[in-house]
Amino acid sequence: MTTQPSPNGSTPPLLFSAHVVVAIGVLVGAVLVSTATDSPVRSIFPYALSVGLVAWKHGMTAGFMVAGVATLAALFSGAFPSNAALSGQEVGEGLYTYLKLSIVSAGAVLGKRSRRPLSA
C-alpha cells in the first residue's frame, strides 16, 4: 500500500510507523514487567524513551499524545503512588509525570531542530 502525497507535497504521517510500534512495545513491556514481577517500573526512562522516539520522528503533538499513553501505562503498572505518604495523590503524580514526559517531547523536537543546518 502506498501513500499519496498531500496537496502541499508532504506525505501524511503513518499511524503505525515503526517508531510508534517500538514505543508502544516498550510501554507494554514496562506494564508486563511490572505485572510479572509484582514490582512496578517507577523509572521514567522507559516511558521517556517511548515519548522521545515518537516526538523525534513525528513531532511534538504526537509526542504529547504518547506522553499521555505513557502516563496511563505508568498508572496501570502500579507506579502511582510512588511512596506510602502520597497515597490518594495519584492524580497529582499522574499530572506531574505527564509534565515531565511533555518536557521530553519538547526537548526531542527542539533537539532535532537544532541539528538542522541553517539556510542561507
C-alpha atoms as a PDB file:
ATOM      1  CA  MET A   1       0.000   0.000   0.000  1.00  0.00           C
ATOM      2  CA  THR A   2       1.429   3.345  -0.987  1.00  0.00           C
ATOM      3  CA  THR A   3       0.544   6.680   0.492  1.00  0.00           C
ATOM      4  CA  GLN A   4      -0.476   9.543  -1.719  1.00  0.00           C
ATOM      5  CA  PRO A   5       1.233  12.864  -1.081  1.00  0.00           C
ATOM      6  CA  SER A   6      -0.981  15.593   0.279  1.00  0.00           C
ATOM      7  CA  PRO A   7      -1.647  18.730  -1.801  1.00  0.00           C
ATOM      8  CA  ASN A   8       1.180  20.653  -0.111  1.00  0.00           C
ATOM      9  CA  GLY A   9       3.698  17.995  -1.172  1.00  0.00           C
ATOM     10  CA  SER A  10       4.308  16.319   2.181  1.00  0.00           C
ATOM     11  CA  THR A  11       3.326  12.750   2.931  1.00  0.00           C
ATOM     12  CA  PRO A  12       0.839  12.150   5.740  1.00  0.00           C
ATOM     13  CA  PRO A  13       2.253  10.529   8.883  1.00  0.00           C
ATOM     14  CA  LEU A  14       1.565   6.840   9.301  1.00  0.00           C
ATOM     15  CA  LEU A  15      -0.291   5.814  12.426  1.00  0.00           C
ATOM     16  CA  PHE A  16       1.564   2.532  12.679  1.00  0.00           C
ATOM     17  CA  SER A  17       5.081   3.523  11.785  1.00  0.00           C
ATOM     18  CA  ALA A  18       7.992   1.527  13.152  1.00  0.00           C
ATOM     19  CA  HIS A  19       8.696   4.242  15.724  1.00  0.00           C
ATOM     20  CA  VAL A  20       5.170   4.119  17.121  1.00  0.00           C
ATOM     21  CA  VAL A  21       5.183   0.319  17.236  1.00  0.00           C
ATOM     22  CA  VAL A  22       8.502   0.265  19.119  1.00  0.00           C
ATOM     23  CA  ALA A  23       7.295   2.961  21.532  1.00  0.00           C
ATOM     24  CA  ILE A  24       4.072   1.100  22.304  1.00  0.00           C
ATOM     25  CA  GLY A  25       6.079  -2.120  22.649  1.00  0.00           C
ATOM     26  CA  VAL A  26       8.330  -0.509  25.264  1.00  0.00           C
ATOM     27  CA  LEU A  27       5.281   0.710  27.197  1.00  0.00           C
ATOM     28  CA  VAL A  28       3.584  -2.689  27.032  1.00  0.00           C
ATOM     29  CA  GLY A  29       6.866  -4.263  28.136  1.00  0.00           C
ATOM     30  CA  ALA A  30       7.033  -1.975  31.169  1.00  0.00           C
ATOM     31  CA  VAL A  31       3.479  -2.908  32.141  1.00  0.00           C
ATOM     32  CA  LEU A  32       4.182  -6.631  31.642  1.00  0.00           C
ATOM     33  CA  VAL A  33       7.386  -6.496  33.685  1.00  0.00           C
ATOM     34  CA  SER A  34       5.536  -4.670  36.451  1.00  0.00           C
ATOM     35  CA  THR A  35       2.761  -7.242  36.426  1.00  0.00           C
ATOM     36  CA  ALA A  36       5.043 -10.275  36.219  1.00  0.00           C
ATOM     37  CA  THR A  37       7.451  -9.195  38.938  1.00  0.00           C
ATOM     38  CA  ASP A  38       4.862  -7.599  41.212  1.00  0.00           C
ATOM     39  CA  SER A  39       7.221  -4.603  41.361  1.00  0.00           C
ATOM     40  CA  PRO A  40       6.178  -1.524  39.360  1.00  0.00           C
ATOM     41  CA  VAL A  41       8.558   0.117  36.927  1.00  0.00           C
ATOM     42  CA  ARG A  42       8.896   3.550  38.506  1.00  0.00           C
ATOM     43  CA  SER A  43      11.866   4.726  36.476  1.00  0.00           C
ATOM     44  CA  ILE A  44      10.979   7.440  33.973  1.00  0.00           C
ATOM     45  CA  PHE A  45      13.423   6.117  31.361  1.00  0.00           C
ATOM     46  CA  PRO A  46      11.277   3.523  29.520  1.00  0.00           C
ATOM     47  CA  TYR A  47       8.388   5.967  29.370  1.00  0.00           C
ATOM     48  CA  ALA A  48      10.633   8.843  28.270  1.00  0.00           C
ATOM     49  CA  LEU A  49      12.275   6.640  25.624  1.00  0.00           C
ATOM     50  CA  SER A  50       8.890   5.979  24.061  1.00  0.00           C
ATOM     51  CA  VAL A  51       7.913   9.639  24.084  1.00  0.00           C
ATOM     52  CA  GLY A  52      11.259  10.842  22.766  1.00  0.00           C
ATOM     53  CA  LEU A  53      11.323   8.303  19.952  1.00  0.00           C
ATOM     54  CA  VAL A  54       7.886   9.271  18.660  1.00  0.00           C
ATOM     55  CA  ALA A  55       8.433  13.013  19.149  1.00  0.00           C
ATOM     56  CA  TRP A  56      11.744  12.876  17.276  1.00  0.00           C
ATOM     57  CA  LYS A  57      10.133  11.252  14.246  1.00  0.00           C
ATOM     58  CA  HIS A  58       6.549  12.582  14.257  1.00  0.00           C
ATOM     59  CA  GLY A  59       6.666  15.926  16.072  1.00  0.00           C
ATOM     60  CA  MET A  60       5.612  17.479  19.339  1.00  0.00           C
ATOM     61  CA  THR A  61       1.881  16.785  19.055  1.00  0.00           C
ATOM     62  CA  ALA A  62       2.457  13.067  18.583  1.00  0.00           C
ATOM     63  CA  GLY A  63       4.928  13.183  21.474  1.00  0.00           C
ATOM     64  CA  PHE A  64       2.308  14.782  23.716  1.00  0.00           C
ATOM     65  CA  MET A  65      -0.168  12.039  22.797  1.00  0.00           C
ATOM     66  CA  VAL A  66       2.353   9.304  23.584  1.00  0.00           C
ATOM     67  CA  ALA A  67       3.158  11.108  26.851  1.00  0.00           C
ATOM     68  CA  GLY A  68      -0.491  10.659  27.804  1.00  0.00           C
ATOM     69  CA  VAL A  69      -0.411   6.988  26.853  1.00  0.00           C
ATOM     70  CA  ALA A  70       2.856   6.539  28.769  1.00  0.00           C
ATOM     71  CA  THR A  71       1.330   8.175  31.845  1.00  0.00           C
ATOM     72  CA  LEU A  72      -1.590   5.762  31.647  1.00  0.00           C
ATOM     73  CA  ALA A  73       0.855   2.863  31.244  1.00  0.00           C
ATOM     74  CA  ALA A  74       2.650   4.003  34.404  1.00  0.00           C
ATOM     75  CA  LEU A  75      -0.689   4.144  36.209  1.00  0.00           C
ATOM     76  CA  PHE A  76      -1.633   0.639  35.039  1.00  0.00           C
ATOM     77  CA  SER A  77       1.774  -0.702  36.022  1.00  0.00           C
ATOM     78  CA  GLY A  78       1.257   0.498  39.591  1.00  0.00           C
ATOM     79  CA  ALA A  79       3.894   3.232  39.596  1.00  0.00           C
ATOM     80  CA  PHE A  80       1.494   5.585  41.408  1.00  0.00           C
ATOM     81  CA  PRO A  81       1.655   6.296  44.332  1.00  0.00           C
ATOM     82  CA  SER A  82       5.443   6.397  44.384  1.00  0.00           C
ATOM     83  CA  ASN A  83       5.514   6.039  48.187  1.00  0.00           C
ATOM     84  CA  ALA A  84       3.038   5.424  51.004  1.00  0.00           C
ATOM     85  CA  ALA A  85       2.961   9.082  52.057  1.00  0.00           C
ATOM     86  CA  LEU A  86       1.480  10.023  48.660  1.00  0.00           C
ATOM     87  CA  SER A  87      -1.390   7.534  48.817  1.00  0.00           C
ATOM     88  CA  GLY A  88      -4.500   9.188  47.420  1.00  0.00           C
ATOM     89  CA  GLN A  89      -2.456  11.639  45.334  1.00  0.00           C
ATOM     90  CA  GLU A  90      -2.421   9.584  42.136  1.00  0.00           C
ATOM     91  CA  VAL A  91      -3.948  12.378  40.053  1.00  0.00           C
ATOM     92  CA  GLY A  92      -1.238  14.819  41.105  1.00  0.00           C
ATOM     93  CA  GLU A  93       1.506  12.294  40.448  1.00  0.00           C
ATOM     94  CA  GLY A  94      -0.027  11.483  37.074  1.00  0.00           C
ATOM     95  CA  LEU A  95      -0.111  15.147  36.094  1.00  0.00           C
ATOM     96  CA  TYR A  96       3.481  15.588  37.251  1.00  0.00           C
ATOM     97  CA  THR A  97       4.549  12.549  35.219  1.00  0.00           C
ATOM     98  CA  TYR A  98       2.715  13.894  32.168  1.00  0.00           C
ATOM     99  CA  LEU A  99       4.516  17.222  32.632  1.00  0.00           C
ATOM    100  CA  LYS A 100       7.911  15.509  32.746  1.00  0.00           C
ATOM    101  CA  LEU A 101       7.118  13.426  29.666  1.00  0.00           C
ATOM    102  CA  SER A 102       5.829  16.500  27.811  1.00  0.00           C
ATOM    103  CA  ILE A 103       9.155  18.187  28.504  1.00  0.00           C
ATOM    104  CA  VAL A 104      10.869  15.140  26.980  1.00  0.00           C
ATOM    105  CA  SER A 105       8.689  15.562  23.879  1.00  0.00           C
ATOM    106  CA  ALA A 106       9.531  19.247  23.567  1.00  0.00           C
ATOM    107  CA  GLY A 107      13.221  18.544  24.169  1.00  0.00           C
ATOM    108  CA  ALA A 108      13.336  15.880  21.472  1.00  0.00           C
ATOM    109  CA  VAL A 109      11.726  18.162  18.903  1.00  0.00           C
ATOM    110  CA  LEU A 110      13.906  21.129  19.808  1.00  0.00           C
ATOM    111  CA  GLY A 111      16.980  18.900  19.764  1.00  0.00           C
ATOM    112  CA  LYS A 112      16.095  17.697  16.289  1.00  0.00           C
ATOM    113  CA  ARG A 113      15.562  21.270  15.095  1.00  0.00           C
ATOM    114  CA  SER A 114      18.945  22.338  16.442  1.00  0.00           C
ATOM    115  CA  ARG A 115      20.633  19.681  14.304  1.00  0.00           C
ATOM    116  CA  ARG A 116      19.288  21.157  11.063  1.00  0.00           C
ATOM    117  CA  PRO A 117      21.758  23.296   9.136  1.00  0.00           C
ATOM    118  CA  LEU A 118      20.927  26.968   8.903  1.00  0.00           C
ATOM    119  CA  SER A 119      19.744  28.024   5.455  1.00  0.00           C
ATOM    120  CA  ALA A 120      21.448  30.982   3.864  1.00  0.00           C
END
